[in-house]
Amino acid sequence: MQQIAVLRQSRGWYFPDDYEAFLLEHNGAVLFKHPYSGGGTELLSLERMERIRHDHAYQIPPHWCPIAWTDVVIGSICIDSEKARRGEQPYLFFLDAMNSAEEAVPIDGTFSDWLKRLAENDGREFWLK
């Protein structure tokens, strides 16, 4: 997908293989959203990723890529591109919408690990336990 290459070039973002495969297959999804009460987790499309990055530029470091938005504890799951490029863990962080990057919660594992654990926890924000 050309949009991925454009984001890599323009933003300097790095996407781990499992996350890039997800983008190529789905380019976003909404999981665990209740039909009446809302909530849930939105796995961001490339367009929405850019919008969140723009709207939260004051909060999200330039080398962090927002990949999901949560609506129970409002915030974003981000990939630290520099750490991911070097193969360092953790490279995933939860950034509460009201906090700074220094207060971000690290999430161990890969994107695939995070997605699997999200499903195992029925969409609950397991990283905040």
N, C-alpha and C. Protein backbone atom coordinates (compact mmCIF):
# COMPACT_ATOMS: atom_id res chain seq x y z
N MET A 1 0.85 -1.18 0.00
CA MET A 1 0.00 0.00 0.00
C MET A 1 0.90 1.24 0.00
N GLN A 2 0.65 2.11 -0.93
CA GLN A 2 1.47 3.29 -1.11
C GLN A 2 1.37 4.24 0.09
N GLN A 3 0.21 4.30 0.75
CA GLN A 3 0.05 5.18 1.90
C GLN A 3 1.03 4.84 3.02
N ILE A 4 1.33 3.57 3.20
CA ILE A 4 2.28 3.15 4.23
C ILE A 4 3.66 3.71 3.89
N ALA A 5 4.07 3.58 2.64
CA ALA A 5 5.36 4.10 2.21
C ALA A 5 5.43 5.62 2.39
N VAL A 6 4.34 6.30 2.11
CA VAL A 6 4.30 7.76 2.27
C VAL A 6 4.46 8.13 3.74
N LEU A 7 3.77 7.42 4.64
CA LEU A 7 3.91 7.71 6.07
C LEU A 7 5.33 7.41 6.56
N ARG A 8 5.89 6.33 6.09
CA ARG A 8 7.28 6.01 6.46
C ARG A 8 8.21 7.15 6.05
N GLN A 9 8.03 7.61 4.85
CA GLN A 9 8.91 8.65 4.31
C GLN A 9 8.65 10.00 4.97
N SER A 10 7.40 10.42 5.05
CA SER A 10 7.09 11.76 5.55
C SER A 10 7.22 11.89 7.06
N ARG A 11 6.88 10.85 7.78
CA ARG A 11 6.92 10.89 9.25
C ARG A 11 8.14 10.19 9.84
N GLY A 12 8.78 9.35 9.05
CA GLY A 12 9.90 8.57 9.58
C GLY A 12 9.44 7.43 10.48
N TRP A 13 8.19 7.03 10.32
CA TRP A 13 7.63 5.97 11.16
C TRP A 13 8.09 4.60 10.65
N TYR A 14 8.24 3.69 11.59
CA TYR A 14 8.57 2.31 11.28
C TYR A 14 7.41 1.44 11.75
N PHE A 15 6.95 0.54 10.90
CA PHE A 15 5.88 -0.37 11.26
C PHE A 15 6.44 -1.78 11.36
N PRO A 16 6.34 -2.41 12.54
CA PRO A 16 6.76 -3.81 12.65
C PRO A 16 5.98 -4.66 11.65
N ASP A 17 6.57 -5.78 11.25
CA ASP A 17 5.97 -6.64 10.21
C ASP A 17 4.55 -7.04 10.52
N ASP A 18 4.27 -7.44 11.78
CA ASP A 18 2.92 -7.91 12.10
C ASP A 18 1.89 -6.78 12.01
N TYR A 19 2.29 -5.56 12.38
CA TYR A 19 1.38 -4.44 12.29
C TYR A 19 1.16 -4.03 10.82
N GLU A 20 2.22 -4.04 10.05
CA GLU A 20 2.08 -3.70 8.63
C GLU A 20 1.17 -4.71 7.93
N ALA A 21 1.31 -5.97 8.27
CA ALA A 21 0.44 -7.00 7.68
C ALA A 21 -1.02 -6.72 8.04
N PHE A 22 -1.28 -6.31 9.28
CA PHE A 22 -2.64 -5.94 9.68
C PHE A 22 -3.15 -4.78 8.82
N LEU A 23 -2.33 -3.75 8.66
CA LEU A 23 -2.75 -2.59 7.85
C LEU A 23 -3.06 -2.99 6.41
N LEU A 24 -2.22 -3.83 5.86
CA LEU A 24 -2.43 -4.26 4.47
C LEU A 24 -3.72 -5.06 4.32
N GLU A 25 -4.05 -5.83 5.34
CA GLU A 25 -5.25 -6.68 5.29
C GLU A 25 -6.52 -5.91 5.65
N HIS A 26 -6.44 -5.03 6.65
CA HIS A 26 -7.66 -4.42 7.20
C HIS A 26 -7.71 -2.90 7.17
N ASN A 27 -6.58 -2.23 7.35
CA ASN A 27 -6.53 -0.76 7.43
C ASN A 27 -7.57 -0.21 8.41
N GLY A 28 -7.57 -0.78 9.61
CA GLY A 28 -8.45 -0.29 10.68
C GLY A 28 -9.56 -1.26 11.03
N ALA A 29 -10.10 -1.07 12.23
CA ALA A 29 -11.21 -1.90 12.71
C ALA A 29 -11.70 -1.30 14.01
N VAL A 30 -12.93 -1.60 14.38
CA VAL A 30 -13.47 -1.21 15.68
C VAL A 30 -13.83 -2.50 16.40
N LEU A 31 -13.28 -2.66 17.60
CA LEU A 31 -13.48 -3.88 18.38
C LEU A 31 -14.12 -3.56 19.73
N PHE A 32 -14.99 -4.46 20.16
CA PHE A 32 -15.58 -4.41 21.50
C PHE A 32 -16.39 -3.15 21.77
N LYS A 33 -16.97 -2.57 20.75
CA LYS A 33 -17.84 -1.41 20.93
C LYS A 33 -19.24 -1.91 21.22
N HIS A 34 -19.80 -1.50 22.34
CA HIS A 34 -21.15 -1.90 22.72
C HIS A 34 -22.15 -1.09 21.89
N PRO A 35 -23.20 -1.74 21.36
CA PRO A 35 -24.14 -1.02 20.49
C PRO A 35 -24.89 0.12 21.19
N TYR A 36 -25.04 0.06 22.51
CA TYR A 36 -25.78 1.11 23.21
C TYR A 36 -24.88 2.04 24.01
N SER A 37 -23.85 1.49 24.62
CA SER A 37 -23.02 2.32 25.50
C SER A 37 -21.69 2.72 24.90
N GLY A 38 -21.37 2.25 23.70
CA GLY A 38 -20.14 2.65 23.03
C GLY A 38 -18.91 2.01 23.64
N GLY A 39 -17.86 2.82 23.81
CA GLY A 39 -16.60 2.29 24.33
C GLY A 39 -15.86 1.55 23.25
N GLY A 40 -15.01 0.64 23.65
CA GLY A 40 -14.28 -0.19 22.71
C GLY A 40 -12.93 0.37 22.32
N THR A 41 -12.32 -0.31 21.36
CA THR A 41 -11.01 0.06 20.86
C THR A 41 -11.07 0.17 19.35
N GLU A 42 -10.60 1.28 18.84
CA GLU A 42 -10.54 1.48 17.40
C GLU A 42 -9.10 1.28 16.95
N LEU A 43 -8.88 0.28 16.10
CA LEU A 43 -7.59 0.11 15.46
C LEU A 43 -7.60 1.07 14.28
N LEU A 44 -6.71 2.03 14.30
CA LEU A 44 -6.80 3.17 13.40
C LEU A 44 -6.47 2.84 11.95
N SER A 45 -7.28 3.40 11.07
CA SER A 45 -6.94 3.38 9.64
C SER A 45 -5.79 4.37 9.45
N LEU A 46 -5.14 4.31 8.31
CA LEU A 46 -4.05 5.23 8.05
C LEU A 46 -4.52 6.69 8.09
N GLU A 47 -5.72 6.94 7.58
CA GLU A 47 -6.26 8.29 7.58
C GLU A 47 -6.52 8.78 9.01
N ARG A 48 -7.13 7.92 9.82
CA ARG A 48 -7.44 8.28 11.22
C ARG A 48 -6.14 8.42 12.03
N MET A 49 -5.14 7.61 11.72
CA MET A 49 -3.84 7.70 12.38
C MET A 49 -3.26 9.10 12.18
N GLU A 50 -3.31 9.58 10.96
CA GLU A 50 -2.80 10.92 10.65
C GLU A 50 -3.60 12.00 11.39
N ARG A 51 -4.93 11.83 11.45
CA ARG A 51 -5.77 12.82 12.13
C ARG A 51 -5.47 12.88 13.62
N ILE A 52 -5.34 11.72 14.26
CA ILE A 52 -5.03 11.69 15.70
C ILE A 52 -3.65 12.27 15.94
N ARG A 53 -2.70 11.92 15.08
CA ARG A 53 -1.34 12.47 15.21
C ARG A 53 -1.38 13.99 15.12
N HIS A 54 -2.15 14.50 14.19
CA HIS A 54 -2.28 15.95 14.03
C HIS A 54 -2.96 16.59 15.24
N ASP A 55 -4.08 16.01 15.68
CA ASP A 55 -4.84 16.58 16.79
C ASP A 55 -4.10 16.52 18.12
N HIS A 56 -3.20 15.58 18.27
CA HIS A 56 -2.46 15.40 19.53
C HIS A 56 -0.96 15.64 19.35
N ALA A 57 -0.59 16.47 18.39
CA ALA A 57 0.82 16.74 18.10
C ALA A 57 1.55 17.29 19.31
N TYR A 58 0.86 18.02 20.15
CA TYR A 58 1.46 18.58 21.36
C TYR A 58 1.82 17.50 22.38
N GLN A 59 1.21 16.34 22.25
CA GLN A 59 1.32 15.28 23.26
C GLN A 59 2.13 14.07 22.78
N ILE A 60 2.00 13.72 21.52
CA ILE A 60 2.62 12.51 20.98
C ILE A 60 3.97 12.88 20.35
N PRO A 61 5.06 12.27 20.82
CA PRO A 61 6.37 12.56 20.21
C PRO A 61 6.36 12.24 18.71
N PRO A 62 7.14 12.98 17.91
CA PRO A 62 7.13 12.80 16.46
C PRO A 62 7.45 11.38 16.00
N HIS A 63 8.26 10.65 16.74
CA HIS A 63 8.64 9.29 16.32
C HIS A 63 7.66 8.23 16.83
N TRP A 64 6.59 8.66 17.50
CA TRP A 64 5.54 7.74 17.94
C TRP A 64 4.41 7.76 16.93
N CYS A 65 3.90 6.58 16.63
CA CYS A 65 2.82 6.42 15.67
C CYS A 65 1.59 5.91 16.41
N PRO A 66 0.49 6.67 16.46
CA PRO A 66 -0.73 6.18 17.11
C PRO A 66 -1.37 5.09 16.25
N ILE A 67 -1.65 3.93 16.86
CA ILE A 67 -2.22 2.83 16.08
C ILE A 67 -3.61 2.42 16.55
N ALA A 68 -3.99 2.84 17.77
CA ALA A 68 -5.32 2.49 18.30
C ALA A 68 -5.79 3.60 19.22
N TRP A 69 -7.10 3.72 19.33
CA TRP A 69 -7.73 4.70 20.22
C TRP A 69 -8.70 3.94 21.11
N THR A 70 -8.59 4.15 22.41
CA THR A 70 -9.47 3.47 23.35
C THR A 70 -10.48 4.46 23.90
N ASP A 71 -11.69 3.98 24.16
CA ASP A 71 -12.77 4.87 24.60
C ASP A 71 -13.25 4.63 26.02
N VAL A 72 -12.68 3.69 26.73
CA VAL A 72 -13.07 3.53 28.14
C VAL A 72 -12.18 4.45 28.96
N VAL A 73 -10.89 4.14 29.01
CA VAL A 73 -9.90 5.12 29.50
C VAL A 73 -9.39 5.74 28.21
N ILE A 74 -9.76 6.97 27.95
CA ILE A 74 -9.52 7.57 26.64
C ILE A 74 -8.03 7.83 26.43
N GLY A 75 -7.53 7.32 25.31
CA GLY A 75 -6.14 7.52 24.97
C GLY A 75 -5.76 6.69 23.76
N SER A 76 -4.47 6.69 23.46
CA SER A 76 -4.02 5.98 22.27
C SER A 76 -2.92 4.97 22.60
N ILE A 77 -2.91 3.91 21.82
CA ILE A 77 -1.82 2.96 21.82
C ILE A 77 -0.88 3.45 20.72
N CYS A 78 0.39 3.60 21.05
CA CYS A 78 1.37 4.12 20.09
C CYS A 78 2.54 3.17 19.94
N ILE A 79 3.12 3.19 18.74
CA ILE A 79 4.37 2.49 18.48
C ILE A 79 5.48 3.53 18.55
N ASP A 80 6.49 3.27 19.36
CA ASP A 80 7.70 4.08 19.36
C ASP A 80 8.55 3.55 18.20
N SER A 81 8.54 4.28 17.09
CA SER A 81 9.21 3.81 15.88
C SER A 81 10.70 3.57 16.07
N GLU A 82 11.34 4.40 16.86
CA GLU A 82 12.78 4.23 17.07
C GLU A 82 13.08 2.92 17.77
N LYS A 83 12.32 2.61 18.82
CA LYS A 83 12.53 1.36 19.54
C LYS A 83 12.16 0.16 18.66
N ALA A 84 11.06 0.25 17.94
CA ALA A 84 10.62 -0.86 17.08
C ALA A 84 11.64 -1.13 15.98
N ARG A 85 12.19 -0.08 15.40
CA ARG A 85 13.19 -0.23 14.33
C ARG A 85 14.43 -0.96 14.84
N ARG A 86 14.80 -0.69 16.10
CA ARG A 86 15.97 -1.34 16.70
C ARG A 86 15.64 -2.71 17.28
N GLY A 87 14.38 -3.11 17.26
CA GLY A 87 13.97 -4.40 17.81
C GLY A 87 13.90 -4.41 19.33
N GLU A 88 13.78 -3.24 19.95
CA GLU A 88 13.72 -3.12 21.40
C GLU A 88 12.29 -3.28 21.91
N GLN A 89 12.17 -3.83 23.10
CA GLN A 89 10.89 -3.95 23.81
C GLN A 89 10.97 -3.14 25.09
N PRO A 90 9.91 -2.56 25.54
CA PRO A 90 8.64 -2.44 24.83
C PRO A 90 8.70 -1.31 23.80
N TYR A 91 8.00 -1.51 22.71
CA TYR A 91 7.86 -0.44 21.72
C TYR A 91 6.42 0.06 21.65
N LEU A 92 5.52 -0.62 22.36
CA LEU A 92 4.12 -0.17 22.44
C LEU A 92 3.91 0.57 23.75
N PHE A 93 3.14 1.66 23.68
CA PHE A 93 2.83 2.46 24.87
C PHE A 93 1.37 2.90 24.82
N PHE A 94 0.75 2.97 26.01
CA PHE A 94 -0.58 3.57 26.12
C PHE A 94 -0.37 5.00 26.62
N LEU A 95 -0.92 5.94 25.88
CA LEU A 95 -0.81 7.35 26.23
C LEU A 95 -2.20 7.89 26.53
N ASP A 96 -2.48 8.06 27.83
CA ASP A 96 -3.76 8.64 28.26
C ASP A 96 -3.92 10.01 27.60
N ALA A 97 -5.12 10.32 27.15
CA ALA A 97 -5.37 11.57 26.44
C ALA A 97 -5.06 12.81 27.28
N MET A 98 -4.94 12.66 28.59
CA MET A 98 -4.68 13.80 29.46
C MET A 98 -3.23 13.85 29.96
N ASN A 99 -2.41 12.89 29.57
CA ASN A 99 -1.05 12.80 30.09
C ASN A 99 0.00 13.14 29.03
N SER A 100 1.23 13.30 29.50
CA SER A 100 2.35 13.53 28.59
C SER A 100 3.02 12.19 28.27
N ALA A 101 3.87 12.20 27.28
CA ALA A 101 4.56 10.97 26.87
C ALA A 101 5.40 10.38 28.00
N GLU A 102 5.90 11.22 28.88
CA GLU A 102 6.69 10.72 30.02
C GLU A 102 5.85 9.85 30.96
N GLU A 103 4.54 10.00 30.91
CA GLU A 103 3.64 9.24 31.77
C GLU A 103 3.02 8.04 31.05
N ALA A 104 3.44 7.78 29.82
CA ALA A 104 2.88 6.68 29.04
C ALA A 104 3.17 5.33 29.71
N VAL A 105 2.23 4.42 29.57
CA VAL A 105 2.33 3.09 30.15
C VAL A 105 2.94 2.14 29.11
N PRO A 106 4.09 1.53 29.40
CA PRO A 106 4.67 0.58 28.45
C PRO A 106 3.86 -0.70 28.40
N ILE A 107 3.78 -1.29 27.21
CA ILE A 107 3.05 -2.54 27.00
C ILE A 107 4.03 -3.55 26.41
N ASP A 108 4.30 -4.61 27.14
CA ASP A 108 5.24 -5.62 26.67
C ASP A 108 4.65 -6.42 25.51
N GLY A 109 5.51 -6.85 24.61
CA GLY A 109 5.11 -7.71 23.51
C GLY A 109 4.97 -6.97 22.20
N THR A 110 4.64 -7.74 21.19
CA THR A 110 4.46 -7.22 19.83
C THR A 110 3.02 -6.73 19.64
N PHE A 111 2.75 -6.16 18.48
CA PHE A 111 1.39 -5.77 18.14
C PHE A 111 0.47 -6.99 18.19
N SER A 112 0.93 -8.12 17.64
CA SER A 112 0.12 -9.35 17.65
C SER A 112 -0.17 -9.81 19.07
N ASP A 113 0.84 -9.72 19.95
CA ASP A 113 0.65 -10.09 21.36
C ASP A 113 -0.40 -9.19 21.99
N TRP A 114 -0.30 -7.88 21.75
CA TRP A 114 -1.25 -6.92 22.32
C TRP A 114 -2.67 -7.22 21.85
N LEU A 115 -2.83 -7.46 20.55
CA LEU A 115 -4.15 -7.72 19.99
C LEU A 115 -4.74 -9.01 20.57
N LYS A 116 -3.92 -10.03 20.70
CA LYS A 116 -4.38 -11.30 21.29
C LYS A 116 -4.80 -11.10 22.74
N ARG A 117 -4.00 -10.37 23.50
CA ARG A 117 -4.36 -10.12 24.91
C ARG A 117 -5.61 -9.25 25.03
N LEU A 118 -5.79 -8.32 24.13
CA LEU A 118 -7.01 -7.51 24.12
C LEU A 118 -8.22 -8.41 23.94
N ALA A 119 -8.14 -9.35 23.00
CA ALA A 119 -9.24 -10.29 22.77
C ALA A 119 -9.45 -11.20 23.98
N GLU A 120 -8.39 -11.69 24.56
CA GLU A 120 -8.50 -12.57 25.73
C GLU A 120 -9.13 -11.85 26.93
N ASN A 121 -8.98 -10.53 26.98
CA ASN A 121 -9.54 -9.73 28.07
C ASN A 121 -10.85 -9.06 27.68
N ASP A 122 -11.49 -9.56 26.62
CA ASP A 122 -12.78 -9.04 26.15
C ASP A 122 -12.78 -7.52 25.97
N GLY A 123 -11.67 -7.00 25.46
CA GLY A 123 -11.57 -5.59 25.16
C GLY A 123 -11.21 -4.70 26.33
N ARG A 124 -11.07 -5.28 27.52
CA ARG A 124 -10.68 -4.48 28.69
C ARG A 124 -9.23 -4.06 28.57
N GLU A 125 -8.91 -2.89 29.05
CA GLU A 125 -7.57 -2.31 28.94
C GLU A 125 -6.62 -2.97 29.94
N PHE A 126 -6.18 -4.18 29.59
CA PHE A 126 -5.34 -5.01 30.46
C PHE A 126 -4.04 -4.31 30.86
N TRP A 127 -3.56 -3.40 30.05
CA TRP A 127 -2.28 -2.72 30.31
C TRP A 127 -2.36 -1.75 31.49
N LEU A 128 -3.55 -1.49 31.98
CA LEU A 128 -3.72 -0.57 33.10
C LEU A 128 -3.86 -1.29 34.43
N LYS A 129 -3.79 -2.61 34.44
CA LYS A 129 -3.96 -3.39 35.67
C LYS A 129 -2.73 -3.30 36.54
